[in-house]
Amino acid sequence: MFRIEIKDSLAKIYFCKTENRNALSIEALDALINIIKELNNDLGIKTISIFSELNNVFVSGADIREFSKFRYKEGKDYGKKGHLLMNTIENSNKPIIAAINGYAVGGGFELALACHIKFATENAKFGFPEVKLGILPGFGGSQRIFDYVGKSIATDLILTGKIIDVDVASKYSLINYLVDSNNLEIEIEKYALELASNSSTGIKFAIKSINNRFNKVRTNALNHEIEYLAECMNNKDFIEGTSAFLQKRKQNFND
């Protein structure tokens, strides 16, 4: 599910769930939370980078086959677990770098938004397709997106479910660095080494200070997001949206 490499003070986490395009199942959420916590507790680690072993997918989002069976209670528990992962990433005392090569959609987009630094390649794609499943971004995305763009762009991305390419993402300041896919790992390692040469204490408290600017504003809204996700999963549109996806047909929310 995940492979971890540690070289000197740099830790790399590789998604290797190729059979389901790195989907964020409950098992994957739990595993990634624990990995990040362990790396945060390792005093020898200075930076953490998250990669995919797939060439065309960073993280494809939630595991739709798994969560299509969820209703209100399971949906609320799932939302809480997704929020725990994103909060663990965002509040990490070590900078976490997303290496986005391919699709970062749904929960994958939310994961990227939670990372402190984002490197993307020419192949990167971003989006919130959740409305096509009858739900909303439920892992903090409906709020965290406002750290990057204003209400007009955020509303457009969420309500249309459109997928945008890396040029648009760069225009919206959703990424920090655009690099050639052949050089992604090399460029991130160079950047991570630069961060590692700085004060760990300074970086830890800088992250806390930066996050304080946003966390106090959105805590209430994040709690509402979990509730709204659960409500959506209790609705017939969710059954139709997930069924259509799994059956590879166009959804019909008009019946």
Foldseek 3Di string as FASTA:
>chain_A
DWDWDDDFQEIEIEQEPVVQLQACEVVNLVVLLVVLVVNLPDPRHAEYEYAYPDQAGRYPYHDLVVCLPDAQVVLLVVLVSLQSSLCSQLLRLHAYEYLFRHEQEQSSLSNLLSGPAYEYEQNYKYAYQCVLLQAWRRSCLLQSVCVQADPVVSCVRGVVRDMDGVVVCVVSVVHDYYDHPVCRVVVVVVVSVVSSVDDSVVSSVVSVVVVVVRCVVCVVVSSVSSNRSNNRRNDVSNNQSSVCVVVVHRGDPPD
